[in-house]
Protein backbone atom coordinates (compact mmCIF):
# COMPACT_ATOMS: atom_id res chain seq x y z
CA UNK A 1 0.10 -20.15 18.13
CA UNK A 2 -1.41 -16.89 18.50
CA UNK A 3 0.40 -13.37 17.91
CA UNK A 4 -1.28 -9.93 18.56
CA UNK A 5 0.58 -7.46 16.13
CA UNK A 6 0.94 -3.97 16.92
CA UNK A 7 2.64 -2.74 13.43
CA UNK A 8 3.93 0.76 14.73
CA UNK A 9 4.08 2.81 18.11
CA UNK A 10 1.09 3.81 19.09
CA UNK A 11 -0.57 5.15 22.56
CA UNK A 12 -2.37 2.31 24.71
CA UNK A 13 -5.78 4.28 24.17
CA UNK A 14 -5.86 2.59 20.80
CA UNK A 15 -6.71 -0.81 22.58
CA UNK A 16 -10.18 0.61 23.96
CA UNK A 17 -13.07 -1.73 24.95
CA UNK A 18 -14.64 -1.60 21.36
CA UNK A 19 -11.10 -3.48 19.86
CA UNK A 20 -9.59 -2.90 16.51
CA UNK A 21 -11.08 -1.32 13.69
CA UNK A 22 -9.55 -3.93 11.28
CA UNK A 23 -11.95 -4.53 8.23
CA UNK A 24 -10.20 -4.36 5.18
CA UNK A 25 -11.81 -1.97 2.80
CA UNK A 26 -11.88 -3.12 -1.33
CA UNK A 27 -9.53 -1.00 -3.46
CA UNK A 28 -12.50 0.17 -5.60
CA UNK A 29 -11.02 -1.42 -8.77
CA UNK A 30 -14.31 -2.07 -10.86
CA UNK A 31 -12.71 -3.07 -13.99
CA UNK A 32 -10.36 -5.83 -15.66
CA UNK A 33 -7.11 -6.03 -17.26
CA UNK A 34 -4.87 -8.22 -19.01
CA UNK A 35 -1.40 -7.12 -19.63
CA UNK A 36 -1.81 -4.77 -22.43
CA UNK A 37 -5.17 -3.50 -22.36
CA UNK A 38 -8.80 -3.18 -20.48
CA UNK A 39 -10.77 -6.12 -20.85
CA UNK A 40 -14.54 -7.68 -20.32
CA UNK A 41 -14.23 -9.57 -16.87
CA UNK A 42 -12.98 -12.97 -17.16
CA UNK A 43 -14.67 -15.84 -16.14
CA UNK A 44 -13.79 -18.74 -14.13
CA UNK A 45 -11.21 -21.11 -16.34
CA UNK A 46 -10.55 -18.15 -18.50
CA UNK A 47 -7.04 -16.39 -18.82
CA UNK A 48 -6.68 -13.37 -15.97
CA UNK A 49 -9.82 -14.40 -14.02
CA UNK A 50 -8.98 -13.77 -9.95
CA UNK A 51 -7.87 -10.28 -10.70
CA UNK A 52 -9.48 -7.43 -8.38
CA UNK A 53 -12.63 -6.76 -9.86
CA UNK A 54 -13.38 -10.45 -10.18
CA UNK A 55 -14.19 -10.20 -6.52
CA UNK A 56 -16.80 -7.99 -4.37
CA UNK A 57 -15.63 -7.36 -0.93
CA UNK A 58 -15.96 -4.44 1.13
CA UNK A 59 -17.04 -1.25 -0.94
CA UNK A 60 -15.32 2.14 -0.12
CA UNK A 61 -18.21 3.93 1.43
CA UNK A 62 -17.97 7.75 3.05
CA UNK A 63 -20.37 9.96 4.54
CA UNK A 64 -19.59 13.48 4.20
CA UNK A 65 -21.18 15.28 7.49
CA UNK A 66 -21.09 18.58 6.08
CA UNK A 67 -18.84 19.88 9.14
CA UNK A 68 -15.53 19.41 7.54
CA UNK A 69 -15.45 15.86 8.30
CA UNK A 70 -15.74 12.60 6.53
CA UNK A 71 -16.88 9.39 8.14
CA UNK A 72 -15.82 6.32 6.70
CA UNK A 73 -18.61 3.51 6.84
CA UNK A 74 -16.01 0.69 6.83
CA UNK A 75 -13.45 1.45 9.01
CA UNK A 76 -15.21 3.81 11.69
CA UNK A 77 -12.61 6.35 11.32
CA UNK A 78 -13.33 10.15 10.94
CA UNK A 79 -11.36 12.34 8.93
CA UNK A 80 -10.86 15.81 7.79
CA UNK A 81 -12.18 16.63 4.65
CA UNK A 82 -9.94 19.82 3.99
CA UNK A 83 -6.30 19.41 2.72
CA UNK A 84 -4.21 22.55 3.64
CA UNK A 85 -2.29 24.04 0.88
CA UNK A 86 0.73 24.11 3.07
CA UNK A 87 3.07 21.12 3.55
CA UNK A 88 4.24 20.06 6.90
CA UNK A 89 6.50 18.01 8.39
CA UNK A 90 5.55 15.34 11.28
CA UNK A 91 6.50 17.73 13.85
CA UNK A 92 4.43 20.44 12.80
CA UNK A 93 1.56 18.12 11.98
CA UNK A 94 1.64 16.47 15.53
CA UNK A 95 1.55 20.08 16.64
CA UNK A 96 -0.99 21.14 14.84
CA UNK A 97 -3.25 17.68 15.52
CA UNK A 98 -2.86 18.96 19.45
CA UNK A 99 -4.33 21.90 19.02
CA UNK A 100 -6.94 21.06 16.18
CA UNK A 101 -11.10 21.23 17.42
CA UNK A 102 -12.76 20.33 14.42
CA UNK A 103 -16.58 19.20 14.43
CA UNK A 104 -16.53 19.49 18.58
CA UNK A 105 -13.64 17.04 18.36
CA UNK A 106 -10.18 17.94 20.12
CA UNK A 107 -8.39 14.55 19.42
CA UNK A 108 -7.49 14.34 16.40
CA UNK A 109 -4.30 12.67 15.23
CA UNK A 110 -1.71 12.27 12.17
CA UNK A 111 -3.04 8.57 11.02
CA UNK A 112 -1.01 5.62 10.76
CA UNK A 113 0.47 4.44 7.25
CA UNK A 114 -2.46 1.85 7.65
CA UNK A 115 -5.06 4.02 8.45
CA UNK A 116 -4.03 6.20 5.48
CA UNK A 117 -3.66 3.58 2.83
CA UNK A 118 -7.51 2.56 3.41
CA UNK A 119 -8.48 5.39 1.42
CA UNK A 120 -6.58 4.56 -1.50
CA UNK A 121 -8.72 3.89 -4.71
CA UNK A 122 -7.60 2.09 -7.36
CA UNK A 123 -9.62 3.50 -9.77
CA UNK A 124 -7.06 6.43 -9.98
CA UNK A 125 -4.88 6.88 -13.00
CA UNK A 126 -1.75 9.08 -13.17
CA UNK A 127 -2.73 10.05 -16.36
CA UNK A 128 -0.43 10.51 -19.64
CA UNK A 129 -0.18 13.51 -22.15
CA UNK A 130 0.57 13.41 -25.77
CA UNK A 131 4.72 14.52 -26.41
CA UNK A 132 7.48 14.29 -24.28
CA UNK A 133 6.86 13.77 -20.50
CA UNK A 134 6.13 16.86 -19.05
CA UNK A 135 5.55 16.36 -15.01
CA UNK A 136 5.09 20.15 -14.54
CA UNK A 137 1.68 19.69 -16.06
CA UNK A 138 -1.28 17.85 -14.79
CA UNK A 139 -2.41 15.59 -17.48
CA UNK A 140 -6.15 16.32 -18.58
CA UNK A 141 -6.95 12.36 -18.09
CA UNK A 142 -5.30 12.20 -14.63
CA UNK A 143 -7.40 10.92 -11.84
CA UNK A 144 -6.37 10.96 -8.31
CA UNK A 145 -6.43 7.93 -5.81
CA UNK A 146 -8.63 8.80 -3.41
CA UNK A 147 -12.63 9.63 -3.65
CA UNK A 148 -12.40 13.45 -4.46
CA UNK A 149 -16.20 13.42 -4.17
CA UNK A 150 -16.01 13.55 -0.83
CA UNK A 151 -12.24 14.20 -0.23
CA UNK A 152 -10.43 17.40 -1.20
CA UNK A 153 -6.93 16.97 -3.00
CA UNK A 154 -4.02 18.82 -4.42
CA UNK A 155 -1.62 17.66 -7.05
CA UNK A 156 2.01 18.80 -6.49
CA UNK A 157 2.10 22.98 -6.66
CA UNK A 158 3.57 23.43 -9.64
CA UNK A 159 3.56 26.77 -9.41
CA UNK A 160 6.26 26.45 -6.83
CA UNK A 161 8.56 23.97 -8.80
CA UNK A 162 7.05 21.04 -7.53
CA UNK A 163 6.20 17.78 -10.24
CA UNK A 164 2.51 17.16 -10.41
CA UNK A 165 3.06 13.87 -8.61
CA UNK A 166 4.29 15.34 -5.65
CA UNK A 167 1.39 14.89 -3.71
CA UNK A 168 2.58 12.98 -0.76
CA UNK A 169 0.47 12.49 2.29
CA UNK A 170 1.91 12.27 5.63
CA UNK A 171 1.56 9.42 7.86
CA UNK A 172 3.71 9.00 11.53
CA UNK A 173 4.83 5.63 10.85
CA UNK A 174 8.57 5.58 10.78
CA UNK A 175 10.82 2.96 8.78
CA UNK A 176 12.72 1.19 11.63
CA UNK A 177 15.75 1.05 9.34
CA UNK A 178 16.72 3.70 6.92
CA UNK A 179 16.57 4.33 3.11
CA UNK A 180 19.12 5.92 0.17
CA UNK A 181 22.09 6.87 1.99
CA UNK A 182 21.11 6.88 5.81
CA UNK A 183 18.06 8.90 5.53
CA UNK A 184 15.57 8.58 8.52
CA UNK A 185 12.86 7.75 6.80
CA UNK A 186 8.78 8.30 6.94
CA UNK A 187 5.96 6.33 5.13
CA UNK A 188 3.99 8.19 3.07
CA UNK A 189 0.70 7.44 0.47
CA UNK A 190 1.00 9.40 -2.97
CA UNK A 191 -2.44 10.05 -3.81
CA UNK A 192 -1.64 11.28 -7.12
CA UNK A 193 0.31 8.22 -8.11
CA UNK A 194 -1.06 5.33 -6.23
CA UNK A 195 1.97 4.06 -4.21
CA UNK A 196 3.28 3.56 -0.78
CA UNK A 197 7.27 4.92 -0.67
CA UNK A 198 9.26 5.80 2.47
CA UNK A 199 10.48 9.39 2.51
CA UNK A 200 13.91 10.35 3.57
CA UNK A 201 12.74 13.58 6.32
CA UNK A 202 16.31 13.88 7.78
CA UNK A 203 19.50 13.46 6.64
CA UNK A 204 22.46 11.88 8.78
CA UNK A 205 23.76 14.65 10.77
CA UNK A 206 21.09 16.96 10.12
CA UNK A 207 18.64 18.07 13.42
CA UNK A 208 15.67 19.02 11.37
CA UNK A 209 13.42 17.71 9.31
CA UNK A 210 13.87 18.42 5.47
CA UNK A 211 10.77 16.80 4.05
CA UNK A 212 7.03 18.21 4.13
CA UNK A 213 3.98 16.65 3.29
CA UNK A 214 0.20 17.11 2.72
CA UNK A 215 -1.86 16.16 6.20
CA UNK A 216 -5.18 14.40 6.17
CA UNK A 217 -6.20 13.99 10.28
CA UNK A 218 -7.48 11.36 11.61
CA UNK A 219 -9.77 10.09 14.72
CA UNK A 220 -10.79 7.33 16.32
CA UNK A 221 -9.75 3.75 17.17
CA UNK A 222 -6.78 3.06 16.01
CA UNK A 223 -6.54 0.87 12.81
CA UNK A 224 -4.59 -1.59 11.27
CA UNK A 225 -3.82 -4.56 13.96
CA UNK A 226 -3.43 -8.18 13.50
CA UNK A 227 -4.35 -11.14 15.52
CA UNK A 228 -2.77 -14.25 13.93
CA UNK A 229 -3.70 -17.75 14.65
CA UNK A 230 -1.43 -20.62 13.27
CA UNK A 231 -4.17 -23.26 12.10
CA UNK A 232 -1.47 -25.87 12.27
CA UNK A 233 -2.09 -27.08 8.16
CA UNK A 234 -0.60 -24.47 6.07
CA UNK A 235 -2.49 -21.51 6.98
CA UNK A 236 -2.88 -18.89 9.01
CA UNK A 237 -5.81 -17.02 10.24
CA UNK A 238 -5.93 -13.18 10.92
CA UNK A 239 -8.66 -12.84 13.07
CA UNK A 240 -8.65 -8.76 13.14
CA UNK A 241 -9.78 -9.37 9.14
CA UNK A 242 -11.57 -12.12 9.13
CA UNK A 243 -8.56 -13.50 6.32
CA UNK A 244 -6.98 -16.67 5.93
CA UNK A 245 -3.40 -16.70 4.44
CA UNK A 246 -1.07 -19.33 3.18
CA UNK A 247 1.33 -19.67 5.94
CA UNK A 248 4.02 -20.38 3.30
CA UNK A 249 4.93 -18.30 0.04
CA UNK A 250 4.83 -19.76 -3.42
CA UNK A 251 8.63 -20.41 -3.28
CA UNK A 252 9.63 -19.03 -6.80
CA UNK A 253 8.58 -15.78 -8.66
CA UNK A 254 6.21 -15.48 -11.52
CA UNK A 255 4.43 -13.27 -13.55
CA UNK A 256 1.21 -11.70 -12.79
CA UNK A 257 -0.91 -13.90 -15.06
CA UNK A 258 0.88 -16.91 -13.76
CA UNK A 259 0.54 -15.90 -10.17
CA UNK A 260 -3.30 -15.64 -10.83
CA UNK A 261 -3.41 -18.89 -12.32
CA UNK A 262 -1.16 -20.52 -9.22
CA UNK A 263 -3.95 -19.04 -6.75
CA UNK A 264 -6.74 -20.11 -8.31
CA UNK A 265 -5.70 -23.69 -8.93
CA UNK A 266 -4.46 -24.00 -5.19
CA UNK A 267 -6.08 -26.77 -2.96
CA UNK A 268 -4.00 -25.92 0.18
CA UNK A 269 -5.54 -27.24 3.29
CA UNK A 270 -8.32 -28.55 1.10
CA UNK A 271 -9.94 -25.25 0.41
CA UNK A 272 -10.57 -24.75 -3.22
CA UNK A 273 -11.21 -20.79 -2.81
CA UNK A 274 -7.74 -19.23 -2.75
CA UNK A 275 -6.98 -15.98 -4.50
CA UNK A 276 -4.20 -13.62 -5.14
CA UNK A 277 -5.02 -10.72 -2.46
CA UNK A 278 -5.77 -6.99 -3.73
CA UNK A 279 -3.58 -4.37 -2.39
CA UNK A 280 -5.64 -3.48 0.67
CA UNK A 281 -5.61 -7.17 2.05
CA UNK A 282 -1.97 -7.43 1.08
CA UNK A 283 -1.23 -4.27 3.14
CA UNK A 284 -2.78 -5.66 6.05
CA UNK A 285 -0.47 -8.09 7.27
CA UNK A 286 3.10 -5.99 6.33
CA UNK A 287 4.62 -5.38 9.89
CA UNK A 288 6.42 -2.10 9.93
CA UNK A 289 8.10 -3.11 13.15
CA UNK A 290 10.51 -5.31 10.61
CA UNK A 291 12.83 -4.97 8.26
CA UNK A 292 16.01 -6.90 6.82
CA UNK A 293 18.65 -4.38 8.33
CA UNK A 294 16.96 -4.33 11.69
CA UNK A 295 15.44 -7.61 12.67
CA UNK A 296 16.92 -9.83 9.47
CA UNK A 297 13.63 -10.65 8.49
CA UNK A 298 11.04 -9.63 6.35
CA UNK A 299 8.10 -7.00 7.11
CA UNK A 300 6.09 -9.47 8.12
CA UNK A 301 5.16 -11.48 11.60
CA UNK A 302 7.41 -14.60 11.83
CA UNK A 303 4.07 -16.58 12.17
CA UNK A 304 5.00 -16.70 8.55
CA UNK A 305 7.52 -18.20 6.63
CA UNK A 306 9.28 -16.06 3.74
CA UNK A 307 11.64 -16.86 1.21
CA UNK A 308 14.68 -15.62 1.45
CA UNK A 309 16.54 -14.29 -2.09
CA UNK A 310 20.19 -12.64 -2.90
CA UNK A 311 18.82 -9.15 -4.02
CA UNK A 312 20.75 -6.77 -6.86
CA UNK A 313 23.30 -5.66 -4.81
CA UNK A 314 23.95 -9.43 -3.33
CA UNK A 315 22.48 -8.81 -0.06
CA UNK A 316 20.14 -11.27 1.70
CA UNK A 317 16.54 -10.10 1.12
CA UNK A 318 13.01 -10.69 0.83
CA UNK A 319 11.02 -10.79 -2.63
CA UNK A 320 8.27 -8.51 -3.93
CA UNK A 321 4.85 -9.86 -3.71
CA UNK A 322 2.01 -9.62 -6.21
CA UNK A 323 -1.49 -8.17 -5.49
CA UNK A 324 -4.25 -9.14 -7.92
CA UNK A 325 -4.88 -4.94 -8.51
CA UNK A 326 -3.45 -3.28 -11.65
CA UNK A 327 -1.85 -0.33 -11.05
CA UNK A 328 -2.99 2.55 -13.97
CA UNK A 329 0.03 4.33 -14.42
CA UNK A 330 1.51 6.34 -17.95
CA UNK A 331 0.80 5.53 -21.56
CA UNK A 332 -0.23 2.00 -21.31
CA UNK A 333 -2.47 1.70 -17.91
CA UNK A 334 -3.01 -2.04 -18.11
CA UNK A 335 0.33 -3.29 -18.08
CA UNK A 336 1.63 -2.88 -14.46
CA UNK A 337 0.15 -4.41 -11.42
CA UNK A 338 0.50 -3.41 -7.60
CA UNK A 339 3.25 -5.40 -5.41
CA UNK A 340 4.34 -5.02 -1.78
CA UNK A 341 8.08 -5.30 -1.07
CA UNK A 342 8.76 -7.30 2.23
CA UNK A 343 11.96 -6.87 1.87
CA UNK A 344 14.37 -3.88 0.73
CA UNK A 345 12.53 -1.73 -1.82
CA UNK A 346 15.53 -1.72 -4.38
CA UNK A 347 16.65 0.85 -6.49
CA UNK A 348 20.19 2.39 -8.42
CA UNK A 349 21.01 6.04 -7.32
CA UNK A 350 24.43 7.38 -9.05
CA UNK A 351 25.68 4.02 -9.65
CA UNK A 352 25.04 2.64 -6.23
CA UNK A 353 22.36 -0.23 -5.28
CA UNK A 354 20.40 0.72 -2.33
CA UNK A 355 17.18 0.43 -0.44
CA UNK A 356 15.25 3.47 -1.90
CA UNK A 357 11.29 3.10 -0.72
CA UNK A 358 12.04 0.82 2.33
CA UNK A 359 10.48 -2.57 3.23
CA UNK A 360 6.77 -2.35 3.17
CA UNK A 361 6.63 -0.01 0.07
CA UNK A 362 4.30 -0.53 -2.39
CA UNK A 363 5.05 -0.03 -6.03
CA UNK A 364 3.94 -1.48 -9.34
CA UNK A 365 6.18 -3.82 -12.29
CA UNK A 366 4.88 -4.63 -15.57
CA UNK A 367 2.98 -8.00 -15.70
CA UNK A 368 5.68 -9.31 -18.02
CA UNK A 369 8.85 -8.37 -19.82
CA UNK A 370 12.45 -8.67 -18.92
CA UNK A 371 13.85 -8.12 -15.25
CA UNK A 372 15.67 -4.82 -15.22
CA UNK A 373 17.41 -2.47 -12.69
CA UNK A 374 17.01 1.71 -13.09
CA UNK A 375 13.61 2.38 -13.75
CA UNK A 376 12.36 5.95 -12.75
CA UNK A 377 13.68 8.93 -10.43
CA UNK A 378 15.23 6.16 -7.92
CA UNK A 379 16.02 3.82 -10.40
CA UNK A 380 13.71 1.13 -9.16
CA UNK A 381 14.54 -2.61 -9.59
CA UNK A 382 11.95 -3.86 -12.17
CA UNK A 383 11.55 -7.69 -11.09
CA UNK A 384 8.67 -9.11 -13.17
CA UNK A 385 8.93 -12.43 -11.60
CA UNK A 386 7.39 -11.99 -7.90
CA UNK A 387 6.41 -14.14 -5.32
CA UNK A 388 2.86 -15.23 -4.25
CA UNK A 389 1.09 -15.28 -0.76
CA UNK A 390 -2.08 -16.91 -1.16
CA UNK A 391 -5.38 -15.29 0.78
CA UNK A 392 -9.44 -16.54 0.91
CA UNK A 393 -12.27 -15.59 3.57
CA UNK A 394 -12.88 -12.14 4.81
CA UNK A 395 -16.25 -12.23 3.13
CA UNK A 396 -15.11 -11.77 -0.36
CA UNK A 397 -17.48 -13.18 -3.12
CA UNK A 398 -16.84 -13.94 -6.49
CA UNK A 399 -18.27 -10.89 -8.78
CA UNK A 400 -18.67 -12.74 -11.88
CA UNK A 401 -17.89 -16.59 -11.42
């Protein structure tokens, strides 16, 4: 069974003769962690083996062309190096792109969410300042979640009342449902805190966009398509990326350490090299044309089977899924790992339980602890016991077997 997935609206010229630029780039994470601290990278059979830095894949690699552009040597995408200090709406950004002539090119565009996320670098750290939390001071140990050796970067405009983490970058990928209380929503990447979120850009009854973003423009064949094949043995191959996936998920939630062990002990379809996917691998199979509210499904192609759950609002929904990538955030940078919400990304706002980030959002949960609802400004649901979808292949090899 073959499925060619168009994960978001795009012009037909994207299907150029050269095909998809679909290589999955590594996250850049090169250190290992347990639930509380950085550790020497474990070997096979040791606790916490199987995490992101245990494997070597496509190393992020860029070339600064010294003409205002940066070439991604893995995806072939050409990016603008500079970031304008003035944030703009999607409508404004698309108008700017139409008139841009940079480095001899006039076909610049606003990136889709998979293109934008391909730039994220999980060597980043939100940082931590001693004393009471203060979002209006950039911590001295903060590191952006993007390679600042080749790309310009800005934190939020503190002088004008923004938090330092208000560094949200724009994509053209609209959420097919709504967030909060009916807000039309765009997905964006926050390169200050290392997350994908659905941002409400237009409230019900409004005719103009409320939310504005930083923008990094791109050109080249559209990135992020899938070419799924059902192998009829409990696995699904994506011929775009070279990755093989388990067709079914784990069927139950588990802690991060349990998820790492579950993956490395699997012998599904006779293979013994299954692993927990890193953040960019798992993101590669998110289908942004789907959501529980619009297609009554998770945000993934139906060639995959996904366990249904009942969420914190009592709705039929779908799980959060662990990745092998640690998310360095706050005073205890080893304690959280990245997950993707394939169902609603739940939070509690003003005592109401809502989809606050959108199906396809990337957040992070503590690796151990007690599930709770109400974390952070949007009252995130921290589930702790998250699901697993296995991956193998993709030219990824153990870095320290």
